[in-house]
Amino acid sequence: MAEHLPAEALIPWLQAAGEELQLDTSEVNIDTILGVAGQVAHTVARPAAPLSTFLLGLAVARAGKDADLQALAAQLNARARRWAEEAEE
């Protein structure tokens, strides 16, 4: 059964999953990704969180070496906040 863990406790899973998928996880910022998931879950909908983090990963992959995870995460967080504001109107 899954349990709630601090972000740093997810590092072994991140490494194992990365190895399984043959991905370099050295630049993965767990806090940033969980921050996006939390923002989206609370302002859009819980099921939108994994979908949004997947899209964030696609955006990072598309940008390649020029990827700025923090900037892309901030952009997605801002969109989630606007989504919530639009829903209130």
N, C-alpha and C. Protein backbone atom coordinates (compact mmCIF):
# COMPACT_ATOMS: atom_id res chain seq x y z
N MET A 1 0.84 -1.18 0.00
CA MET A 1 0.00 0.00 0.00
C MET A 1 0.89 1.24 0.00
N ALA A 2 0.50 2.23 -0.79
CA ALA A 2 1.25 3.48 -0.86
C ALA A 2 1.08 4.27 0.43
N GLU A 3 2.10 5.02 0.77
CA GLU A 3 2.03 5.87 1.95
C GLU A 3 2.58 7.24 1.60
N HIS A 4 2.19 8.22 2.40
CA HIS A 4 2.67 9.58 2.17
C HIS A 4 4.08 9.70 2.74
N LEU A 5 4.99 10.18 1.90
CA LEU A 5 6.40 10.29 2.27
C LEU A 5 6.90 11.70 1.96
N PRO A 6 7.94 12.13 2.67
CA PRO A 6 8.56 13.40 2.29
C PRO A 6 9.24 13.24 0.93
N ALA A 7 9.41 14.33 0.21
CA ALA A 7 9.96 14.28 -1.14
C ALA A 7 11.28 13.51 -1.21
N GLU A 8 12.17 13.72 -0.26
CA GLU A 8 13.48 13.05 -0.31
C GLU A 8 13.37 11.53 -0.17
N ALA A 9 12.30 11.06 0.44
CA ALA A 9 12.11 9.62 0.56
C ALA A 9 11.73 8.99 -0.79
N LEU A 10 11.37 9.83 -1.75
CA LEU A 10 11.00 9.33 -3.08
C LEU A 10 12.20 9.13 -3.99
N ILE A 11 13.37 9.55 -3.56
CA ILE A 11 14.57 9.44 -4.40
C ILE A 11 14.85 7.99 -4.81
N PRO A 12 14.78 7.02 -3.89
CA PRO A 12 15.03 5.63 -4.33
C PRO A 12 14.03 5.18 -5.40
N TRP A 13 12.76 5.55 -5.25
CA TRP A 13 11.77 5.19 -6.27
C TRP A 13 12.08 5.90 -7.58
N LEU A 14 12.41 7.18 -7.53
CA LEU A 14 12.75 7.93 -8.73
C LEU A 14 13.90 7.25 -9.47
N GLN A 15 14.93 6.85 -8.74
CA GLN A 15 16.08 6.19 -9.36
C GLN A 15 15.70 4.84 -9.96
N ALA A 16 14.91 4.06 -9.23
CA ALA A 16 14.49 2.75 -9.73
C ALA A 16 13.62 2.89 -10.97
N ALA A 17 12.66 3.82 -10.93
CA ALA A 17 11.78 4.03 -12.08
C ALA A 17 12.58 4.54 -13.27
N GLY A 18 13.51 5.45 -13.02
CA GLY A 18 14.36 5.97 -14.09
C GLY A 18 15.20 4.89 -14.74
N GLU A 19 15.76 4.03 -13.93
CA GLU A 19 16.53 2.91 -14.47
C GLU A 19 15.65 2.00 -15.32
N GLU A 20 14.46 1.72 -14.82
CA GLU A 20 13.53 0.86 -15.56
C GLU A 20 13.19 1.43 -16.93
N LEU A 21 13.02 2.74 -16.99
CA LEU A 21 12.65 3.42 -18.24
C LEU A 21 13.86 3.94 -19.01
N GLN A 22 15.05 3.64 -18.52
CA GLN A 22 16.31 4.07 -19.12
C GLN A 22 16.37 5.59 -19.27
N LEU A 23 16.04 6.27 -18.16
CA LEU A 23 16.07 7.73 -18.11
C LEU A 23 17.09 8.20 -17.09
N ASP A 24 17.73 9.32 -17.39
CA ASP A 24 18.62 9.97 -16.44
C ASP A 24 17.77 10.84 -15.52
N THR A 25 17.74 10.52 -14.26
CA THR A 25 16.91 11.27 -13.31
C THR A 25 17.71 12.27 -12.49
N SER A 26 18.96 12.50 -12.86
CA SER A 26 19.82 13.36 -12.06
C SER A 26 19.33 14.80 -11.97
N GLU A 27 18.57 15.26 -12.94
CA GLU A 27 18.11 16.64 -12.93
C GLU A 27 16.64 16.77 -12.57
N VAL A 28 16.03 15.70 -12.10
CA VAL A 28 14.62 15.74 -11.72
C VAL A 28 14.50 16.46 -10.38
N ASN A 29 13.67 17.48 -10.32
CA ASN A 29 13.45 18.22 -9.08
C ASN A 29 12.09 17.77 -8.52
N ILE A 30 12.14 16.87 -7.57
CA ILE A 30 10.93 16.28 -7.00
C ILE A 30 10.02 17.35 -6.41
N ASP A 31 10.58 18.29 -5.68
CA ASP A 31 9.77 19.34 -5.04
C ASP A 31 8.99 20.15 -6.07
N THR A 32 9.64 20.49 -7.19
CA THR A 32 8.97 21.27 -8.23
C THR A 32 7.82 20.48 -8.83
N ILE A 33 8.06 19.22 -9.13
CA ILE A 33 7.02 18.40 -9.75
C ILE A 33 5.86 18.18 -8.79
N LEU A 34 6.17 17.89 -7.53
CA LEU A 34 5.09 17.72 -6.55
C LEU A 34 4.35 19.04 -6.31
N GLY A 35 5.07 20.16 -6.42
CA GLY A 35 4.42 21.46 -6.28
C GLY A 35 3.39 21.70 -7.37
N VAL A 36 3.74 21.35 -8.60
CA VAL A 36 2.80 21.48 -9.70
C VAL A 36 1.61 20.55 -9.46
N ALA A 37 1.89 19.32 -9.09
CA ALA A 37 0.80 18.36 -8.83
C ALA A 37 -0.14 18.89 -7.75
N GLY A 38 0.41 19.44 -6.70
CA GLY A 38 -0.42 19.98 -5.62
C GLY A 38 -1.25 21.17 -6.06
N GLN A 39 -0.62 22.08 -6.79
CA GLN A 39 -1.33 23.27 -7.28
C GLN A 39 -2.49 22.86 -8.17
N VAL A 40 -2.22 21.98 -9.11
CA VAL A 40 -3.26 21.55 -10.05
C VAL A 40 -4.35 20.77 -9.32
N ALA A 41 -3.96 19.89 -8.41
CA ALA A 41 -4.95 19.10 -7.68
C ALA A 41 -5.91 19.98 -6.90
N HIS A 42 -5.40 21.09 -6.36
CA HIS A 42 -6.24 21.94 -5.52
C HIS A 42 -6.99 23.03 -6.30
N THR A 43 -6.52 23.38 -7.50
CA THR A 43 -7.18 24.45 -8.23
C THR A 43 -7.95 23.97 -9.46
N VAL A 44 -7.61 22.80 -9.97
CA VAL A 44 -8.30 22.26 -11.14
C VAL A 44 -9.12 21.05 -10.72
N ALA A 45 -8.43 19.93 -10.49
CA ALA A 45 -9.06 18.70 -10.02
C ALA A 45 -7.95 17.70 -9.71
N ARG A 46 -8.20 16.85 -8.74
CA ARG A 46 -7.17 15.87 -8.36
C ARG A 46 -6.69 15.02 -9.54
N PRO A 47 -7.60 14.50 -10.37
CA PRO A 47 -7.12 13.69 -11.49
C PRO A 47 -6.30 14.46 -12.52
N ALA A 48 -6.39 15.79 -12.48
CA ALA A 48 -5.61 16.60 -13.41
C ALA A 48 -4.14 16.68 -13.00
N ALA A 49 -3.82 16.32 -11.77
CA ALA A 49 -2.44 16.42 -11.29
C ALA A 49 -1.48 15.50 -12.04
N PRO A 50 -1.75 14.19 -12.13
CA PRO A 50 -0.80 13.35 -12.87
C PRO A 50 -0.76 13.70 -14.36
N LEU A 51 -1.90 14.06 -14.90
CA LEU A 51 -1.94 14.46 -16.30
C LEU A 51 -1.06 15.69 -16.53
N SER A 52 -1.15 16.64 -15.63
CA SER A 52 -0.38 17.88 -15.76
C SER A 52 1.11 17.65 -15.59
N THR A 53 1.49 16.78 -14.66
CA THR A 53 2.92 16.52 -14.49
C THR A 53 3.47 15.75 -15.69
N PHE A 54 2.65 14.91 -16.30
CA PHE A 54 3.06 14.23 -17.53
C PHE A 54 3.29 15.27 -18.63
N LEU A 55 2.36 16.20 -18.77
CA LEU A 55 2.52 17.26 -19.77
C LEU A 55 3.76 18.10 -19.48
N LEU A 56 4.03 18.36 -18.22
CA LEU A 56 5.23 19.10 -17.84
C LEU A 56 6.47 18.34 -18.31
N GLY A 57 6.48 17.04 -18.12
CA GLY A 57 7.60 16.22 -18.59
C GLY A 57 7.76 16.27 -20.10
N LEU A 58 6.64 16.23 -20.81
CA LEU A 58 6.70 16.34 -22.27
C LEU A 58 7.28 17.69 -22.70
N ALA A 59 6.87 18.75 -22.00
CA ALA A 59 7.38 20.09 -22.33
C ALA A 59 8.89 20.17 -22.08
N VAL A 60 9.35 19.58 -21.00
CA VAL A 60 10.78 19.57 -20.70
C VAL A 60 11.53 18.78 -21.77
N ALA A 61 10.99 17.62 -22.14
CA ALA A 61 11.64 16.80 -23.16
C ALA A 61 11.69 17.53 -24.50
N ARG A 62 10.61 18.21 -24.84
CA ARG A 62 10.55 18.94 -26.10
C ARG A 62 11.59 20.05 -26.13
N ALA A 63 11.79 20.72 -25.00
CA ALA A 63 12.75 21.83 -24.93
C ALA A 63 14.20 21.33 -24.94
N GLY A 64 14.40 20.07 -24.58
CA GLY A 64 15.75 19.51 -24.60
C GLY A 64 16.69 20.19 -23.63
N LYS A 65 17.90 20.45 -24.09
CA LYS A 65 18.92 21.05 -23.22
C LYS A 65 18.57 22.46 -22.79
N ASP A 66 17.66 23.10 -23.51
CA ASP A 66 17.24 24.45 -23.16
C ASP A 66 16.10 24.47 -22.15
N ALA A 67 15.68 23.29 -21.68
CA ALA A 67 14.54 23.19 -20.77
C ALA A 67 14.82 23.91 -19.45
N ASP A 68 13.83 24.64 -19.00
CA ASP A 68 13.89 25.30 -17.69
C ASP A 68 12.69 24.80 -16.90
N LEU A 69 12.91 23.75 -16.12
CA LEU A 69 11.82 23.12 -15.37
C LEU A 69 11.11 24.13 -14.49
N GLN A 70 11.85 24.97 -13.80
CA GLN A 70 11.23 25.95 -12.90
C GLN A 70 10.31 26.89 -13.66
N ALA A 71 10.74 27.37 -14.81
CA ALA A 71 9.93 28.30 -15.60
C ALA A 71 8.68 27.61 -16.15
N LEU A 72 8.85 26.39 -16.65
CA LEU A 72 7.70 25.66 -17.16
C LEU A 72 6.71 25.33 -16.04
N ALA A 73 7.23 24.97 -14.88
CA ALA A 73 6.36 24.69 -13.73
C ALA A 73 5.61 25.95 -13.31
N ALA A 74 6.29 27.08 -13.28
CA ALA A 74 5.64 28.34 -12.92
C ALA A 74 4.55 28.69 -13.93
N GLN A 75 4.81 28.44 -15.20
CA GLN A 75 3.83 28.71 -16.25
C GLN A 75 2.59 27.83 -16.06
N LEU A 76 2.80 26.55 -15.75
CA LEU A 76 1.68 25.65 -15.55
C LEU A 76 0.92 25.98 -14.27
N ASN A 77 1.64 26.35 -13.21
CA ASN A 77 0.98 26.75 -11.96
C ASN A 77 0.11 27.99 -12.19
N ALA A 78 0.64 28.94 -12.96
CA ALA A 78 -0.13 30.15 -13.25
C ALA A 78 -1.39 29.82 -14.04
N ARG A 79 -1.27 28.88 -14.97
CA ARG A 79 -2.45 28.49 -15.75
C ARG A 79 -3.48 27.83 -14.86
N ALA A 80 -3.03 27.02 -13.91
CA ALA A 80 -3.97 26.37 -12.98
C ALA A 80 -4.69 27.41 -12.14
N ARG A 81 -3.98 28.44 -11.69
CA ARG A 81 -4.63 29.50 -10.91
C ARG A 81 -5.66 30.25 -11.76
N ARG A 82 -5.30 30.54 -13.02
CA ARG A 82 -6.25 31.22 -13.90
C ARG A 82 -7.47 30.34 -14.15
N TRP A 83 -7.25 29.03 -14.26
CA TRP A 83 -8.36 28.08 -14.46
C TRP A 83 -9.34 28.19 -13.31
N ALA A 84 -8.81 28.23 -12.09
CA ALA A 84 -9.66 28.33 -10.90
C ALA A 84 -10.42 29.65 -10.89
N GLU A 85 -9.73 30.74 -11.25
CA GLU A 85 -10.40 32.05 -11.28
C GLU A 85 -11.50 32.07 -12.34
N GLU A 86 -11.24 31.49 -13.51
CA GLU A 86 -12.25 31.45 -14.56
C GLU A 86 -13.45 30.62 -14.14
N ALA A 87 -13.22 29.57 -13.38
CA ALA A 87 -14.32 28.71 -12.92
C ALA A 87 -15.22 29.46 -11.93
N GLU A 88 -14.64 30.41 -11.20
CA GLU A 88 -15.43 31.17 -10.22
C GLU A 88 -16.32 32.21 -10.89
N GLU A 89 -15.96 32.62 -12.10
CA GLU A 89 -16.72 33.67 -12.80
C GLU A 89 -18.06 33.19 -13.28
